[in-house]
Amino acid sequence: RSIITTISTIMSLDNAKTVLSRLSAMVQEGDIEGGQTALSEMKILMLDFSGTEEEIAISASALEFGILLSVKDEDMDAFARNVAQIKSYYAAAPKTASPSTQRFHILGLNLMHLLVENNLSEFHAELELLSSTEASTPYISFPINLERQLMVGSYDEVLNAGAHVPDPSYTLFMDNLLQTVRDSIADCVEVSYKTMRVQDAVSMMKFDSEEDLLEYVQEFRDDWIVQGGELCFQPPKVGAKASDIPSKKLIAQTLSYATELERIV
C-alpha cells in the first residue's frame, strides 16, 4: 500500500508541476481565461497534498500566479481570496526554506491594495510581520513610501510616483490611488480658488493633457464650469451666515420664556 501511495504522490506532483508550468505560461502571455482554467485545476490538485515542503512550495507558486492573474483581470475579489489563501502557505513554509522569488512582489501588491482601500490598520499589521531587510526591498518599500507621502499630504510626490512603479502589476493600484489623490486636490482647489486656468489645473493634478482633465471634470466634477480656457468653481454650500439668523426674533422669544419661567417660580 505504501508503494502505491508513493507512486500516486509522485504522479500527483508531476501532474501539478505540469499544470503549474501551463499556468505560468498563461500568466506571462496574459491569457486570463486559460490561466483561470489552469488555476482551477491546480486548486483541485492541491486538495490532495499532504503538506510536504515541495507541495507547499508548489501551492504557493500557484497562488502567486493566481494573484498576478487577478491583477491582470482587475478582479479584486479574486485577488483578496488568493492573498488570504497564500498567507497560510507562506506561514507553513519551513524557516530554513528560501522565500519564493515572487513573495515580496505579492506582499507588495497586497500592501498597495490595502493602501487603495484605506485599510491602514491592516497595512501596518502586515508591516509588523516583515524584517527591516524585507521592508527595504523595492516591492515593499514602494508602498511604504507612498503611505508616508499620503500621511503628510505630499500629493505631488504621490502623483509623480506613478511613473516609477517597481513592476507593471502595480499600475492598477496606482491608477486607483491617483484617482483618490486627484479627488483630494480637486476638493482643495475648488474651495481655495474662484477660477483657475485649465493648463494650471492640468499641471497641478498631473494629467497628461487638457482632454484628460476635461474628461475628469465631465465625469466627476460636473458643477465646474469650463469657459475661455478657465475653470470656474461653484461656491461650496455653507451654513447660514450670522446675518441670516433672525437675532431680534430669538432675543424676543428668549425674554418671553424668561418672563414665563419667572411667573412659574
Protein backbone atom coordinates (compact mmCIF):
# COMPACT_ATOMS: atom_id res chain seq x y z
CA ARG A 1 0.00 0.00 0.00
CA SER A 2 2.86 2.40 0.82
CA ILE A 3 4.39 1.77 -2.61
CA ILE A 4 1.08 2.55 -4.29
CA THR A 5 0.71 5.68 -2.16
CA THR A 6 4.24 6.80 -3.06
CA ILE A 7 3.63 6.25 -6.77
CA SER A 8 0.31 8.11 -6.53
CA THR A 9 2.03 11.02 -4.75
CA ILE A 10 4.77 11.21 -7.37
CA MET A 11 2.21 11.16 -10.18
CA SER A 12 0.17 13.85 -8.42
CA LEU A 13 3.26 16.05 -8.02
CA ASP A 14 4.29 15.54 -11.64
CA ASN A 15 0.77 16.44 -12.76
CA ALA A 16 0.79 19.52 -10.53
CA LYS A 17 4.14 20.65 -11.93
CA THR A 18 2.79 20.28 -15.47
CA VAL A 19 -0.31 22.34 -14.68
CA LEU A 20 1.81 24.90 -12.79
CA SER A 21 4.06 25.29 -15.83
CA ARG A 22 0.98 25.85 -18.01
CA LEU A 23 -0.41 28.37 -15.51
CA SER A 24 2.90 30.26 -15.53
CA ALA A 25 2.87 30.42 -19.33
CA MET A 26 -0.74 31.65 -19.37
CA VAL A 27 0.05 34.46 -16.93
CA GLN A 28 3.11 35.52 -18.93
CA GLU A 29 1.05 35.57 -22.13
CA GLY A 30 -1.80 37.47 -20.48
CA ASP A 31 -4.25 34.66 -21.27
CA ILE A 32 -6.72 35.32 -18.47
CA GLU A 33 -9.29 32.67 -19.40
CA GLY A 34 -6.67 29.97 -19.91
CA GLY A 35 -4.94 30.98 -16.70
CA GLN A 36 -8.15 30.76 -14.69
CA THR A 37 -8.75 27.25 -16.04
CA ALA A 38 -5.23 26.15 -15.11
CA LEU A 39 -5.54 27.74 -11.66
CA SER A 40 -8.80 25.88 -11.00
CA GLU A 41 -7.08 22.61 -11.95
CA MET A 42 -4.20 23.43 -9.60
CA LYS A 43 -6.51 24.13 -6.69
CA ILE A 44 -8.22 20.76 -7.17
CA LEU A 45 -4.83 19.01 -7.17
CA MET A 46 -3.80 20.94 -4.05
CA LEU A 47 -6.68 19.35 -2.12
CA ASP A 48 -4.81 16.01 -2.19
CA PHE A 49 -1.50 17.43 -1.00
CA SER A 50 -0.27 16.17 2.36
CA GLY A 51 1.81 19.22 3.28
CA THR A 52 5.35 18.30 2.29
CA GLU A 53 7.85 21.09 1.73
CA GLU A 54 7.71 20.61 -2.04
CA GLU A 55 3.90 20.61 -2.06
CA ILE A 56 3.81 23.81 -0.02
CA ALA A 57 6.20 25.47 -2.46
CA ILE A 58 4.15 24.36 -5.48
CA SER A 59 0.91 25.53 -3.87
CA ALA A 60 2.40 28.93 -3.01
CA SER A 61 3.67 29.34 -6.58
CA ALA A 62 0.25 28.51 -7.99
CA LEU A 63 -1.46 31.08 -5.77
CA GLU A 64 1.19 33.68 -6.62
CA PHE A 65 0.37 33.23 -10.29
CA GLY A 66 -3.31 33.39 -9.36
CA ILE A 67 -2.76 36.76 -7.68
CA LEU A 68 -0.91 38.15 -10.69
CA LEU A 69 -3.69 36.81 -12.90
CA SER A 70 -6.37 38.56 -10.83
CA VAL A 71 -4.47 41.84 -11.18
CA LYS A 72 -4.37 41.43 -14.96
CA ASP A 73 -8.11 40.73 -14.85
CA GLU A 74 -8.68 43.66 -12.44
CA ASP A 75 -10.64 41.26 -10.23
CA MET A 76 -10.07 42.49 -6.68
CA ASP A 77 -12.37 39.90 -5.12
CA ALA A 78 -10.25 37.08 -6.58
CA PHE A 79 -7.13 39.00 -5.56
CA ALA A 80 -8.27 39.15 -1.92
CA ARG A 81 -9.23 35.46 -1.87
CA ASN A 82 -5.89 34.32 -3.26
CA VAL A 83 -3.96 36.56 -0.88
CA ALA A 84 -5.89 35.13 2.09
CA GLN A 85 -5.08 31.59 0.91
CA ILE A 86 -1.42 32.18 0.21
CA LYS A 87 -0.71 33.52 3.70
CA SER A 88 -1.22 30.06 5.20
CA TYR A 89 1.28 28.56 2.75
CA TYR A 90 3.84 31.27 3.46
CA ALA A 91 3.39 30.61 7.19
CA ALA A 92 3.69 26.83 6.70
CA ALA A 93 6.93 27.03 4.73
CA PRO A 94 9.96 25.82 6.73
CA LYS A 95 12.03 28.62 8.25
CA THR A 96 15.10 27.19 6.53
CA ALA A 97 13.48 27.37 3.10
CA SER A 98 14.38 30.31 0.88
CA PRO A 99 11.42 32.61 0.15
CA SER A 100 9.96 32.28 -3.33
CA THR A 101 11.17 34.76 -5.91
CA GLN A 102 7.65 36.21 -6.13
CA ARG A 103 6.93 36.52 -2.41
CA PHE A 104 7.96 40.15 -1.89
CA HIS A 105 6.22 41.07 -5.14
CA ILE A 106 2.98 39.54 -3.83
CA LEU A 107 3.31 41.12 -0.37
CA GLY A 108 3.94 44.49 -2.01
CA LEU A 109 0.82 44.17 -4.16
CA ASN A 110 -1.20 43.35 -1.06
CA LEU A 111 0.14 46.47 0.67
CA MET A 112 -0.87 48.52 -2.39
CA HIS A 113 -4.36 47.02 -2.23
CA LEU A 114 -4.69 47.88 1.47
CA LEU A 115 -3.49 51.41 0.75
CA VAL A 116 -6.07 51.90 -2.00
CA GLU A 117 -8.78 50.55 0.30
CA ASN A 118 -7.55 52.93 3.04
CA ASN A 119 -7.22 49.93 5.36
CA LEU A 120 -4.29 51.41 7.24
CA SER A 121 -4.65 49.27 10.37
CA GLU A 122 -4.12 46.06 8.38
CA PHE A 123 -1.46 47.81 6.29
CA HIS A 124 0.63 48.43 9.41
CA ALA A 125 -0.16 44.98 10.80
CA GLU A 126 1.35 43.47 7.64
CA LEU A 127 4.44 45.64 8.03
CA GLU A 128 4.96 44.34 11.56
CA LEU A 129 5.47 40.85 10.12
CA LEU A 130 8.39 41.99 7.93
CA SER A 131 12.03 42.39 8.87
CA SER A 132 13.84 45.63 8.08
CA THR A 133 15.69 43.82 5.27
CA GLU A 134 12.43 42.60 3.73
CA ALA A 135 10.84 46.04 4.08
CA SER A 136 13.75 47.59 2.18
CA THR A 137 13.13 45.56 -1.00
CA PRO A 138 11.78 47.67 -3.90
CA TYR A 139 8.45 45.82 -3.94
CA ILE A 140 7.81 46.59 -0.26
CA SER A 141 9.49 49.98 0.14
CA PHE A 142 7.38 51.46 -2.68
CA PRO A 143 4.00 51.19 -0.87
CA ILE A 144 5.67 52.14 2.43
CA ASN A 145 6.94 55.41 0.94
CA LEU A 146 3.56 56.06 -0.69
CA GLU A 147 1.79 55.69 2.64
CA ARG A 148 4.17 58.17 4.26
CA GLN A 149 3.65 60.68 1.47
CA LEU A 150 -0.11 60.37 1.77
CA MET A 151 0.01 60.86 5.54
CA VAL A 152 1.89 64.17 5.25
CA GLY A 153 -0.18 65.33 2.27
CA SER A 154 2.67 65.21 -0.27
CA TYR A 155 0.22 64.61 -3.10
CA ASP A 156 2.64 65.87 -5.73
CA GLU A 157 5.13 63.14 -4.82
CA VAL A 158 2.37 60.51 -4.89
CA LEU A 159 1.30 61.61 -8.36
CA ASN A 160 4.91 61.53 -9.59
CA ALA A 161 5.40 58.03 -8.14
CA GLY A 162 3.10 56.61 -10.80
CA ALA A 163 5.96 56.80 -13.28
CA HIS A 164 8.31 54.78 -11.06
CA VAL A 165 6.39 51.63 -10.10
CA PRO A 166 8.63 48.60 -9.36
CA ASP A 167 6.56 46.39 -11.66
CA PRO A 168 3.75 46.94 -14.22
CA SER A 169 1.37 44.95 -11.98
CA TYR A 170 1.42 47.92 -9.56
CA THR A 171 -0.12 50.19 -12.20
CA LEU A 172 -3.71 49.11 -11.47
CA PHE A 173 -3.40 50.11 -7.82
CA MET A 174 -1.55 53.32 -8.66
CA ASP A 175 -4.32 54.35 -11.05
CA ASN A 176 -6.89 53.87 -8.29
CA LEU A 177 -4.69 55.72 -5.80
CA LEU A 178 -4.08 58.59 -8.23
CA GLN A 179 -7.84 58.94 -8.66
CA THR A 180 -8.20 59.32 -4.89
CA VAL A 181 -5.37 61.86 -4.73
CA ARG A 182 -6.78 63.87 -7.63
CA ASP A 183 -10.14 63.98 -5.88
CA SER A 184 -8.43 65.34 -2.76
CA ILE A 185 -6.61 68.00 -4.80
CA ALA A 186 -9.85 68.92 -6.57
CA ASP A 187 -11.61 69.33 -3.20
CA CYS A 188 -8.88 71.73 -2.06
CA VAL A 189 -8.77 73.67 -5.32
CA GLU A 190 -12.48 74.39 -5.54
CA VAL A 191 -12.57 75.96 -2.06
CA SER A 192 -9.28 77.84 -2.48
CA TYR A 193 -9.84 79.43 -5.89
CA LYS A 194 -12.75 81.03 -7.69
CA THR A 195 -11.17 80.37 -11.08
CA MET A 196 -8.08 78.63 -12.46
CA ARG A 197 -6.51 78.31 -15.88
CA VAL A 198 -7.16 74.90 -17.39
CA GLN A 199 -3.44 74.45 -18.12
CA ASP A 200 -2.57 75.18 -14.48
CA ALA A 201 -5.10 72.59 -13.34
CA VAL A 202 -3.62 70.03 -15.75
CA SER A 203 -0.18 70.61 -14.22
CA MET A 204 -1.40 70.63 -10.61
CA MET A 205 -3.41 67.42 -10.96
CA LYS A 206 -0.75 65.71 -13.11
CA PHE A 207 -2.95 65.00 -16.12
CA ASP A 208 -1.26 64.20 -19.42
CA SER A 209 -3.41 66.62 -21.40
CA GLU A 210 -6.24 69.12 -21.23
CA GLU A 211 -8.50 66.47 -22.73
CA ASP A 212 -7.84 64.17 -19.77
CA LEU A 213 -8.68 66.97 -17.34
CA LEU A 214 -11.89 67.86 -19.17
CA GLU A 215 -12.89 64.20 -19.17
CA TYR A 216 -12.33 64.11 -15.41
CA VAL A 217 -14.41 67.27 -14.96
CA GLN A 218 -17.24 65.87 -17.04
CA GLU A 219 -17.29 62.58 -15.12
CA PHE A 220 -16.56 63.67 -11.55
CA ARG A 221 -16.94 67.49 -11.30
CA ASP A 222 -19.97 68.38 -13.36
CA ASP A 223 -20.51 71.53 -11.26
CA TRP A 224 -17.25 73.05 -12.54
CA ILE A 225 -17.71 75.45 -15.45
CA VAL A 226 -15.20 75.41 -18.29
CA GLN A 227 -15.13 78.68 -20.21
CA GLY A 228 -12.48 80.54 -22.17
CA GLY A 229 -9.62 78.32 -21.10
CA GLU A 230 -10.51 78.67 -17.43
CA LEU A 231 -12.23 76.59 -14.78
CA CYS A 232 -14.85 78.35 -12.70
CA PHE A 233 -15.65 76.67 -9.40
CA GLN A 234 -19.14 76.88 -7.99
CA PRO A 235 -19.12 78.30 -4.47
CA PRO A 236 -19.47 75.44 -1.96
CA LYS A 237 -22.61 75.17 0.07
CA VAL A 238 -22.09 76.60 3.53
CA GLY A 239 -24.16 77.00 6.63
CA ALA A 240 -26.22 80.07 7.45
CA LYS A 241 -24.36 83.38 7.86
CA ALA A 242 -24.73 85.43 11.02
CA SER A 243 -26.79 87.97 9.05
CA ASP A 244 -29.23 85.20 8.11
CA ILE A 245 -30.07 84.43 11.75
CA PRO A 246 -33.22 86.28 12.96
CA SER A 247 -31.46 87.60 16.09
CA LYS A 248 -34.18 90.09 17.15
CA LYS A 249 -36.84 87.40 16.99
CA LEU A 250 -34.68 84.97 19.01
CA ILE A 251 -33.99 87.63 21.67
CA ALA A 252 -37.70 88.40 21.96
CA GLN A 253 -38.51 84.68 22.32
CA THR A 254 -35.82 84.24 24.97
CA LEU A 255 -37.12 87.19 27.02
CA SER A 256 -40.64 85.81 26.75
CA TYR A 257 -39.51 82.40 28.02
CA ALA A 258 -37.63 84.06 30.91
CA THR A 259 -40.72 86.06 31.88
CA GLU A 260 -42.93 82.94 31.86
CA LEU A 261 -40.37 81.00 33.88
CA GLU A 262 -40.26 83.80 36.49
CA ARG A 263 -44.04 83.73 36.83
CA ILE A 264 -43.97 79.95 37.37
CA VAL A 265 -41.32 80.22 40.07
